[in-house]
């Protein structure tokens, strides 16, 4: 759902802001995969780049932010 919402504005030709709410205690939940925790705690790479790495997405065609 997060990916869908973060792309909706671009599809509509509008600027959007996506907010990922995350708490350190979430990481202790059994269903929370290590890769998900890593993505949430990432501050080095653009989150959009990380989210779309498995899709046919080229950031050179579209501006990205943090």
N, C-alpha and C. Protein backbone atom coordinates (compact mmCIF):
# COMPACT_ATOMS: atom_id res chain seq x y z
N UNK A 1 0.82 -1.19 0.00
CA UNK A 1 0.00 0.00 0.00
C UNK A 1 0.87 1.26 0.00
N UNK A 2 1.96 1.25 0.73
CA UNK A 2 2.84 2.42 0.79
C UNK A 2 3.35 2.78 -0.60
N UNK A 3 3.76 1.77 -1.37
CA UNK A 3 4.27 2.03 -2.72
C UNK A 3 3.17 2.61 -3.59
N UNK A 4 1.98 2.06 -3.51
CA UNK A 4 0.86 2.56 -4.31
C UNK A 4 0.59 4.02 -3.99
N UNK A 5 0.53 4.37 -2.73
CA UNK A 5 0.25 5.75 -2.33
C UNK A 5 1.36 6.70 -2.74
N UNK A 6 2.61 6.25 -2.64
CA UNK A 6 3.72 7.14 -2.98
C UNK A 6 3.80 7.42 -4.48
N UNK A 7 3.22 6.57 -5.30
CA UNK A 7 3.23 6.76 -6.75
C UNK A 7 1.97 7.46 -7.27
N UNK A 8 0.93 7.51 -6.47
CA UNK A 8 -0.35 8.06 -6.93
C UNK A 8 -0.22 9.51 -7.40
N UNK A 9 0.48 10.33 -6.65
CA UNK A 9 0.63 11.73 -7.03
C UNK A 9 1.36 11.90 -8.34
N UNK A 10 2.39 11.12 -8.54
CA UNK A 10 3.13 11.21 -9.80
C UNK A 10 2.23 10.84 -10.97
N UNK A 11 1.45 9.81 -10.80
CA UNK A 11 0.54 9.37 -11.86
C UNK A 11 -0.46 10.47 -12.19
N UNK A 12 -0.88 11.21 -11.16
CA UNK A 12 -1.84 12.29 -11.36
C UNK A 12 -1.16 13.60 -11.76
N UNK A 13 0.17 13.58 -11.86
CA UNK A 13 0.91 14.78 -12.25
C UNK A 13 1.07 15.79 -11.13
N UNK A 14 1.00 15.33 -9.89
CA UNK A 14 1.11 16.22 -8.74
C UNK A 14 2.32 15.83 -7.89
N UNK A 15 2.79 16.77 -7.11
CA UNK A 15 3.86 16.50 -6.16
C UNK A 15 3.23 15.88 -4.92
N UNK A 16 3.88 14.87 -4.36
CA UNK A 16 3.35 14.21 -3.17
C UNK A 16 4.40 14.10 -2.09
N UNK A 17 3.94 13.88 -0.90
CA UNK A 17 4.81 13.57 0.23
C UNK A 17 4.27 12.30 0.86
N UNK A 18 5.15 11.34 1.07
CA UNK A 18 4.75 10.09 1.71
C UNK A 18 5.40 10.03 3.09
N UNK A 19 4.65 9.62 4.07
CA UNK A 19 5.15 9.55 5.44
C UNK A 19 5.15 8.09 5.89
N UNK A 20 6.31 7.61 6.28
CA UNK A 20 6.44 6.24 6.78
C UNK A 20 6.56 6.32 8.30
N UNK A 21 5.56 5.85 9.01
CA UNK A 21 5.57 5.86 10.47
C UNK A 21 6.14 4.53 10.95
N UNK A 22 7.17 4.61 11.75
CA UNK A 22 7.90 3.43 12.18
C UNK A 22 8.39 3.65 13.60
N UNK A 23 8.31 2.62 14.42
CA UNK A 23 8.76 2.68 15.80
C UNK A 23 9.76 1.56 16.03
N UNK A 24 10.80 1.81 16.81
CA UNK A 24 11.81 0.78 17.08
C UNK A 24 11.19 -0.51 17.62
N UNK A 25 10.12 -0.41 18.38
CA UNK A 25 9.50 -1.62 18.92
C UNK A 25 8.87 -2.48 17.82
N UNK A 26 8.58 -1.87 16.66
CA UNK A 26 8.05 -2.65 15.53
C UNK A 26 9.05 -3.71 15.08
N UNK A 27 10.33 -3.42 15.19
CA UNK A 27 11.37 -4.33 14.72
C UNK A 27 11.37 -5.65 15.49
N UNK A 28 10.84 -5.64 16.69
CA UNK A 28 10.83 -6.86 17.50
C UNK A 28 9.67 -7.79 17.15
N UNK A 29 8.75 -7.33 16.35
CA UNK A 29 7.62 -8.17 15.96
C UNK A 29 8.09 -9.29 15.05
N UNK A 30 7.58 -10.49 15.27
CA UNK A 30 8.04 -11.66 14.53
C UNK A 30 7.82 -11.56 13.03
N UNK A 31 6.75 -10.90 12.61
CA UNK A 31 6.45 -10.84 11.19
C UNK A 31 7.27 -9.79 10.45
N UNK A 32 7.97 -8.95 11.20
CA UNK A 32 8.76 -7.88 10.58
C UNK A 32 10.07 -8.45 10.06
N UNK A 33 10.23 -8.49 8.76
CA UNK A 33 11.44 -9.04 8.16
C UNK A 33 12.60 -8.07 8.31
N UNK A 34 13.81 -8.61 8.38
CA UNK A 34 15.01 -7.80 8.54
C UNK A 34 15.15 -6.77 7.42
N UNK A 35 14.78 -7.14 6.20
CA UNK A 35 14.89 -6.21 5.07
C UNK A 35 13.94 -5.02 5.24
N UNK A 36 12.77 -5.28 5.81
CA UNK A 36 11.81 -4.21 6.05
C UNK A 36 12.34 -3.26 7.10
N UNK A 37 12.90 -3.79 8.17
CA UNK A 37 13.49 -2.96 9.22
C UNK A 37 14.61 -2.11 8.63
N UNK A 38 15.46 -2.73 7.82
CA UNK A 38 16.57 -2.02 7.19
C UNK A 38 16.07 -0.87 6.32
N UNK A 39 15.01 -1.11 5.58
CA UNK A 39 14.43 -0.07 4.72
C UNK A 39 13.90 1.09 5.56
N UNK A 40 13.25 0.78 6.66
CA UNK A 40 12.68 1.82 7.52
C UNK A 40 13.76 2.66 8.20
N UNK A 41 14.87 2.03 8.55
CA UNK A 41 15.93 2.73 9.26
C UNK A 41 16.95 3.38 8.33
N UNK A 42 16.83 3.15 7.03
CA UNK A 42 17.76 3.68 6.05
C UNK A 42 17.74 5.21 6.02
N UNK A 43 18.91 5.83 6.11
CA UNK A 43 19.02 7.27 5.97
C UNK A 43 20.05 7.66 4.91
N UNK A 44 20.66 6.68 4.27
CA UNK A 44 21.69 6.94 3.26
C UNK A 44 21.15 6.99 1.84
N UNK A 45 20.16 6.17 1.55
CA UNK A 45 19.66 6.04 0.19
C UNK A 45 18.23 6.54 0.08
N UNK A 46 17.90 7.03 -1.06
CA UNK A 46 16.54 7.49 -1.32
C UNK A 46 15.57 6.32 -1.12
N UNK A 47 14.58 6.50 -0.28
CA UNK A 47 13.63 5.43 0.01
C UNK A 47 12.89 4.99 -1.24
N UNK A 48 12.62 5.92 -2.11
CA UNK A 48 11.93 5.57 -3.36
C UNK A 48 12.78 4.62 -4.20
N UNK A 49 14.08 4.88 -4.25
CA UNK A 49 14.99 3.99 -4.98
C UNK A 49 14.96 2.59 -4.37
N UNK A 50 14.98 2.51 -3.06
CA UNK A 50 14.98 1.22 -2.37
C UNK A 50 13.67 0.48 -2.64
N UNK A 51 12.54 1.18 -2.55
CA UNK A 51 11.24 0.55 -2.74
C UNK A 51 11.04 0.03 -4.16
N UNK A 52 11.58 0.75 -5.13
CA UNK A 52 11.33 0.40 -6.52
C UNK A 52 12.45 -0.40 -7.17
N UNK A 53 13.41 -0.87 -6.40
CA UNK A 53 14.54 -1.60 -6.97
C UNK A 53 14.12 -2.87 -7.70
N UNK A 54 13.01 -3.47 -7.31
CA UNK A 54 12.55 -4.71 -7.94
C UNK A 54 11.54 -4.49 -9.06
N UNK A 55 11.24 -3.22 -9.34
CA UNK A 55 10.29 -2.89 -10.40
C UNK A 55 11.03 -2.29 -11.58
N UNK A 56 10.38 -2.19 -12.70
CA UNK A 56 10.96 -1.56 -13.89
C UNK A 56 10.86 -0.05 -13.72
N UNK A 57 11.80 0.52 -13.00
CA UNK A 57 11.76 1.93 -12.65
C UNK A 57 13.13 2.54 -12.87
N UNK A 58 13.18 3.64 -13.56
CA UNK A 58 14.45 4.31 -13.82
C UNK A 58 14.41 5.69 -13.20
N UNK A 59 15.18 5.91 -12.15
CA UNK A 59 15.16 7.18 -11.45
C UNK A 59 15.76 8.31 -12.28
N UNK A 60 16.52 7.98 -13.30
CA UNK A 60 17.11 9.03 -14.13
C UNK A 60 16.03 9.77 -14.92
N UNK A 61 14.88 9.11 -15.11
CA UNK A 61 13.77 9.73 -15.83
C UNK A 61 12.88 10.57 -14.92
N UNK A 62 12.96 10.31 -13.63
CA UNK A 62 12.07 10.98 -12.68
C UNK A 62 12.88 11.46 -11.49
N UNK A 63 12.61 12.67 -11.01
CA UNK A 63 13.34 13.15 -9.83
C UNK A 63 12.96 12.35 -8.60
N UNK A 64 13.91 12.14 -7.73
CA UNK A 64 13.65 11.43 -6.48
C UNK A 64 14.15 12.25 -5.31
N UNK A 65 13.61 12.00 -4.16
CA UNK A 65 14.04 12.69 -2.96
C UNK A 65 14.16 11.71 -1.82
N UNK A 66 14.37 12.21 -0.65
CA UNK A 66 14.52 11.35 0.52
C UNK A 66 13.25 11.35 1.32
